[in-house]
Protein backbone atom coordinates (compact mmCIF):
# COMPACT_ATOMS: atom_id res chain seq x y z
CA MET A 1 -6.36 64.32 -129.30
CA LEU A 2 -8.57 61.27 -129.97
CA GLU A 3 -11.38 63.04 -131.83
CA PRO A 4 -9.54 62.99 -135.20
CA LEU A 5 -9.02 59.20 -134.84
CA GLN A 6 -12.74 58.66 -135.05
CA GLN A 7 -12.59 59.77 -138.83
CA PRO A 8 -11.64 57.04 -141.31
CA PHE A 9 -10.04 59.58 -143.66
CA MET A 10 -7.84 60.84 -140.84
CA LEU A 11 -6.80 57.35 -139.97
CA ARG A 12 -5.62 56.73 -143.53
CA ALA A 13 -3.88 60.07 -143.72
CA LEU A 14 -2.05 59.38 -140.48
CA ALA A 15 -1.01 55.97 -141.76
CA GLU A 16 0.24 57.55 -145.02
CA VAL A 17 2.29 60.26 -143.40
CA VAL A 18 3.89 57.90 -140.91
CA LEU A 19 4.85 55.33 -143.61
CA VAL A 20 6.10 57.95 -146.05
CA GLY A 21 7.81 60.00 -143.25
CA VAL A 22 9.79 57.04 -141.93
CA ALA A 23 10.93 56.12 -145.40
CA GLY A 24 11.54 59.65 -146.51
CA GLY A 25 13.37 60.60 -143.25
CA ALA A 26 15.77 57.59 -143.46
CA LEU A 27 16.37 58.10 -147.17
CA GLY A 28 16.71 61.89 -146.72
CA CYS A 29 19.84 61.51 -144.48
CA TRP A 30 21.72 60.18 -147.54
CA VAL A 31 20.18 62.72 -149.86
CA VAL A 32 21.43 65.53 -147.62
CA HIS A 33 24.77 63.97 -147.03
CA TYR A 34 25.40 63.42 -150.75
CA GLY A 35 24.36 67.04 -151.48
CA LEU A 36 21.33 65.92 -153.57
CA SER A 37 18.71 68.19 -152.00
CA TYR A 38 18.47 70.19 -155.26
CA ALA A 39 18.21 67.02 -157.27
CA ALA A 40 15.43 65.86 -155.01
CA GLU A 41 13.40 69.03 -155.54
CA SER A 42 14.04 68.96 -159.30
CA LEU A 43 13.05 65.37 -159.53
CA ALA A 44 9.76 66.10 -157.76
CA HIS A 45 8.99 68.99 -160.18
CA SER A 46 9.73 66.88 -163.14
CA LEU A 47 6.82 64.49 -162.25
CA PHE A 48 4.27 67.27 -163.01
CA PRO A 49 3.51 66.48 -166.62
CA GLY A 50 3.12 62.78 -165.85
CA LEU A 51 0.75 63.58 -163.05
CA VAL A 52 -1.35 65.87 -165.25
CA LEU A 53 -1.61 63.23 -167.97
CA ALA A 54 -2.66 60.71 -165.39
CA ALA A 55 -5.34 63.06 -164.10
CA ILE A 56 -6.59 63.72 -167.63
CA ALA A 57 -6.65 59.96 -168.39
CA GLY A 58 -8.37 59.20 -165.08
CA VAL A 59 -5.77 56.70 -163.97
CA SER A 60 -3.67 56.31 -160.83
CA LEU A 61 -1.06 59.10 -160.32
CA LEU A 62 1.57 56.47 -159.90
CA LEU A 63 1.02 55.42 -163.52
CA GLY A 64 1.85 58.96 -164.65
CA ALA A 65 4.58 59.76 -162.14
CA ALA A 66 6.71 56.73 -162.74
CA PRO A 67 7.29 57.15 -166.45
CA ALA A 68 7.85 60.97 -165.85
CA ALA A 69 10.51 60.20 -163.26
CA LEU A 70 12.33 57.71 -165.56
CA LEU A 71 12.22 60.27 -168.47
CA ALA A 72 13.56 63.01 -166.26
CA ALA A 73 16.31 60.81 -164.92
CA LEU A 74 17.38 59.69 -168.49
CA ALA A 75 17.23 63.28 -169.75
CA ILE A 76 19.48 64.47 -166.99
CA VAL A 77 22.02 61.81 -167.60
CA LEU A 78 22.05 62.50 -171.37
CA ALA A 79 22.27 66.31 -170.84
CA ALA A 80 25.11 66.04 -168.25
CA ARG A 81 27.21 64.07 -170.86
CA VAL A 82 27.16 67.04 -173.25
CA ALA A 83 30.52 68.82 -173.22
CA GLY A 84 30.53 71.90 -171.01
CA VAL A 85 27.25 71.04 -169.33
CA GLY A 86 27.56 69.95 -165.62
CA ARG A 87 25.09 67.94 -163.52
CA GLU A 88 23.41 71.08 -161.96
CA ALA A 89 23.01 72.71 -165.31
CA ALA A 90 21.42 69.53 -166.76
CA VAL A 91 19.07 69.29 -163.87
CA ALA A 92 17.98 72.85 -164.22
CA VAL A 93 17.36 72.44 -167.90
CA VAL A 94 15.38 69.23 -167.51
CA VAL A 95 13.26 70.42 -164.53
CA THR A 96 12.42 73.66 -166.26
CA THR A 97 11.32 71.92 -169.42
CA MET A 98 9.30 69.25 -167.62
CA LEU A 99 7.57 71.74 -165.31
CA GLY A 100 6.76 73.98 -168.17
CA LEU A 101 5.29 71.12 -170.06
CA GLY A 102 3.19 70.19 -167.06
CA VAL A 103 1.85 73.65 -166.84
CA LEU A 104 0.85 73.66 -170.51
CA LEU A 105 -0.98 70.37 -170.01
CA ALA A 106 -2.73 71.71 -166.90
CA LEU A 107 -4.04 74.70 -168.83
CA SER A 108 -5.44 72.57 -171.66
CA PRO A 109 -9.26 72.29 -172.04
CA ARG A 110 -9.05 68.58 -171.25
CA SER A 111 -7.48 69.11 -167.87
CA PRO A 112 -9.92 68.21 -165.05
CA ARG A 113 -10.97 70.50 -162.25
CA GLY A 114 -8.89 70.44 -159.04
CA VAL A 115 -5.62 69.96 -160.91
CA GLU A 116 -4.10 72.25 -158.40
CA SER A 117 -4.23 69.32 -155.94
CA LEU A 118 -1.32 67.83 -157.98
CA LEU A 119 0.86 70.69 -156.78
CA PHE A 120 -0.17 70.68 -153.14
CA GLY A 121 -1.28 67.07 -152.58
CA ASP A 122 -4.44 65.48 -151.14
CA VAL A 123 -3.32 63.64 -148.08
CA PHE A 124 -6.84 63.26 -146.92
CA GLY A 125 -7.84 61.60 -150.12
CA VAL A 126 -5.40 58.67 -150.09
CA GLY A 127 -6.88 55.24 -150.68
CA ASP A 128 -5.98 51.73 -149.90
CA ALA A 129 -3.74 51.46 -152.99
CA ASP A 130 -1.75 54.57 -151.88
CA LEU A 131 -1.29 53.00 -148.42
CA ILE A 132 -0.12 49.73 -149.98
CA ALA A 133 2.38 51.69 -152.11
CA ALA A 134 3.58 53.56 -149.04
CA ALA A 135 4.17 50.39 -147.04
CA ALA A 136 5.96 48.85 -150.06
CA LEU A 137 8.14 51.92 -150.28
CA LEU A 138 9.11 51.66 -146.61
CA ALA A 139 9.99 48.01 -147.04
CA VAL A 140 12.08 48.56 -150.08
CA VAL A 141 13.82 51.57 -148.57
CA ALA A 142 14.61 49.71 -145.32
CA VAL A 143 16.02 46.65 -147.15
CA ALA A 144 18.00 48.64 -149.77
CA LEU A 145 19.55 51.06 -147.22
CA ARG A 146 20.53 48.10 -145.04
CA LEU A 147 22.24 46.41 -147.95
CA LEU A 148 23.84 49.55 -149.29
CA HIS A 149 24.79 51.07 -145.94
CA GLY A 150 28.56 50.20 -146.13
CA ARG A 151 28.86 51.29 -149.68
CA LEU A 152 27.04 54.51 -149.16
CA LEU A 153 29.17 55.27 -146.15
CA VAL A 154 32.48 54.70 -147.93
CA VAL A 155 31.44 56.78 -151.03
CA GLY A 156 29.88 59.50 -148.92
CA PHE A 157 32.93 60.09 -146.75
CA ASP A 158 35.79 59.40 -149.15
CA ARG A 159 35.15 58.81 -152.86
CA ASP A 160 38.78 58.06 -153.65
CA ALA A 161 39.07 55.54 -150.92
CA ALA A 162 35.89 53.98 -152.19
CA ARG A 163 37.38 53.39 -155.66
CA ALA A 164 40.46 51.78 -154.00
CA LEU A 165 38.25 49.46 -152.07
CA GLY A 166 36.34 48.44 -155.25
CA VAL A 167 33.19 50.46 -154.50
CA SER A 168 31.79 52.47 -157.47
CA PRO A 169 30.64 55.95 -156.55
CA ALA A 170 28.56 56.20 -159.67
CA LEU A 171 26.66 53.12 -158.82
CA ALA A 172 26.09 54.10 -155.25
CA GLU A 173 24.73 57.47 -156.29
CA ALA A 174 22.61 55.80 -159.04
CA ALA A 175 21.09 53.47 -156.48
CA LEU A 176 20.31 56.41 -154.09
CA LEU A 177 18.71 58.30 -156.99
CA VAL A 178 16.54 55.38 -157.89
CA LEU A 179 15.36 55.12 -154.30
CA LEU A 180 14.69 58.83 -154.34
CA ALA A 181 12.68 58.59 -157.52
CA ALA A 182 10.61 55.84 -156.08
CA GLY A 183 10.01 57.68 -152.79
CA THR A 184 8.97 60.80 -154.66
CA VAL A 185 6.56 58.95 -156.94
CA VAL A 186 4.83 57.44 -153.84
CA ALA A 187 4.93 60.53 -151.57
CA VAL A 188 3.66 62.96 -154.27
CA GLN A 189 0.04 61.84 -153.82
CA GLY A 190 -0.07 63.15 -150.19
CA LEU A 191 2.29 66.11 -150.33
CA GLY A 192 1.94 67.22 -153.97
CA ASN A 193 4.49 68.12 -156.60
CA LEU A 194 5.72 71.33 -154.92
CA LEU A 195 5.90 70.11 -151.32
CA VAL A 196 7.15 66.52 -151.48
CA VAL A 197 10.77 67.60 -151.14
CA ALA A 198 10.12 68.55 -147.49
CA VAL A 199 9.99 65.02 -146.36
CA PHE A 200 13.34 64.18 -147.91
CA VAL A 201 15.24 67.27 -146.73
CA ALA A 202 13.89 68.94 -143.59
CA PRO A 203 13.78 66.03 -141.11
CA ALA A 204 17.32 64.87 -142.17
CA ALA A 205 18.62 68.43 -141.89
CA ALA A 206 17.12 68.63 -138.43
CA ALA A 207 18.48 65.32 -137.27
CA ARG A 208 22.06 66.26 -138.35
CA GLN A 209 22.03 68.96 -135.68
CA PHE A 210 22.13 66.25 -132.98
CA SER A 211 24.35 63.54 -134.30
CA GLU A 212 27.20 63.09 -136.69
CA ARG A 213 26.92 59.35 -136.91
CA MET A 214 24.72 58.06 -139.71
CA ALA A 215 22.79 55.29 -137.94
CA PRO A 216 21.44 57.58 -135.12
CA THR A 217 20.79 60.34 -137.53
CA ILE A 218 18.66 58.02 -139.76
CA ALA A 219 16.62 56.90 -136.76
CA LEU A 220 16.15 60.44 -135.52
CA ALA A 221 15.21 61.77 -138.95
CA ALA A 222 12.60 58.93 -139.41
CA ALA A 223 11.05 59.83 -136.01
CA ILE A 224 11.07 63.61 -136.81
CA ALA A 225 9.35 63.03 -140.19
CA ALA A 226 6.68 60.78 -138.63
CA LEU A 227 5.93 63.03 -135.71
CA GLY A 228 5.99 66.10 -138.03
CA GLY A 229 3.51 64.37 -140.35
CA VAL A 230 1.19 63.74 -137.53
CA ALA A 231 1.51 67.21 -136.06
CA GLY A 232 0.74 68.71 -139.56
CA LEU A 233 -2.44 66.60 -139.90
CA TYR A 234 -3.67 67.67 -136.45
CA LEU A 235 -2.91 71.24 -137.34
CA SER A 236 -4.91 70.81 -140.63
CA TYR A 237 -7.80 69.17 -138.84
CA TYR A 238 -8.30 71.84 -136.13
CA VAL A 239 -7.24 75.00 -137.98
CA GLY A 240 -8.72 74.06 -141.29
CA THR A 241 -5.64 74.48 -143.43
CA ALA A 242 -4.66 72.31 -146.40
CA GLY A 243 -3.41 68.88 -145.38
CA GLY A 244 -0.26 68.64 -147.56
CA ALA A 245 0.83 72.23 -146.87
CA SER A 246 0.31 71.72 -143.10
CA VAL A 247 2.41 68.60 -143.10
CA ALA A 248 5.21 70.31 -145.15
CA LEU A 249 5.05 73.28 -142.70
CA ALA A 250 5.47 71.01 -139.73
CA LEU A 251 8.33 69.18 -141.32
CA VAL A 252 10.14 72.35 -142.27
CA ALA A 253 9.47 73.92 -138.88
CA ALA A 254 11.48 71.05 -137.21
CA TYR A 255 14.67 72.40 -138.79
CA PRO A 256 14.80 75.88 -137.17
CA LEU A 257 13.67 74.19 -133.90
CA ALA A 258 16.51 71.81 -134.16
CA LEU A 259 18.97 74.66 -134.82
CA LEU A 260 17.69 76.42 -131.74
CA ALA A 261 17.89 73.37 -129.57
CA ALA A 262 21.40 72.64 -130.83
CA ALA A 263 22.55 76.17 -130.15
CA LEU A 264 21.13 75.94 -126.57
CA ARG A 265 22.88 72.71 -125.89
CA ARG A 266 26.22 74.00 -127.18
CA ARG A 267 25.80 77.08 -125.01
CA ARG A 268 24.93 75.05 -121.96
CA SER A 269 27.99 72.83 -122.56
CA GLU A 270 30.20 75.90 -122.71
CA ILE A 271 28.75 77.35 -119.47
CA VAL A 272 28.48 74.29 -117.23
CA PRO A 273 32.00 73.16 -116.09
CA PRO A 274 33.02 69.57 -117.15
CA GLU A 275 33.16 68.34 -113.57
CA VAL A 276 29.55 69.48 -112.94
CA ARG A 277 28.35 67.63 -116.12
CA ILE A 278 30.15 64.46 -115.08
CA ALA A 279 28.60 64.60 -111.62
């Protein structure tokens, strides 16, 4: 258990997955509750052309991912306003276009070697700047979710009542999407364009099997994401599998395990008489 901790690259990777995992797990509870899982996946895929351009230019991936996320968000908003085009159709059109553009750029002669790491991440290659970005993300998500908690609750559970109380559902969803975009931009370095959605969906989906209240669900999802990230890194270190893929696998594996645990708990509650449980 202690051997991997002797490696500096492993320590940085552990710090990265814990910071991103806690932020992603907490934010993911609202993503799942608002039914934005597809939007989260689409937003991640839309970053690909920006990531490829950053790799070609030899600059930080954040500099390429941020403009791509902004462009994708604006394109989705504009496409959704076209008569007869809903939000899901707009998301599908935009993500297909952006991902296709990214593939064309990746196949260009100027594309550097190892561009496939943009798809699957390089969690063992994170540097100090990536750790600072992950820490900043966690701080921003913690503060924002604390300030928006009441509004997100009202909108998430009763949109009509939210309007009556003076809370704008559109603004609440927009704030959530902005946080999701920021989280995706930061997390894509470690988990890659194809796998980053795992940290925003799987831990939250697993945590919902054990609690229907938002605050405990957020705490549990953050813990599952952090522990899953650590487990994935240990799996990668000892088995020799890809780091980002191993982390994503561990995060996703938490969901069927949670389903099984929840089913066993319900079965036990049905079998054991109430007086025995009270005693």
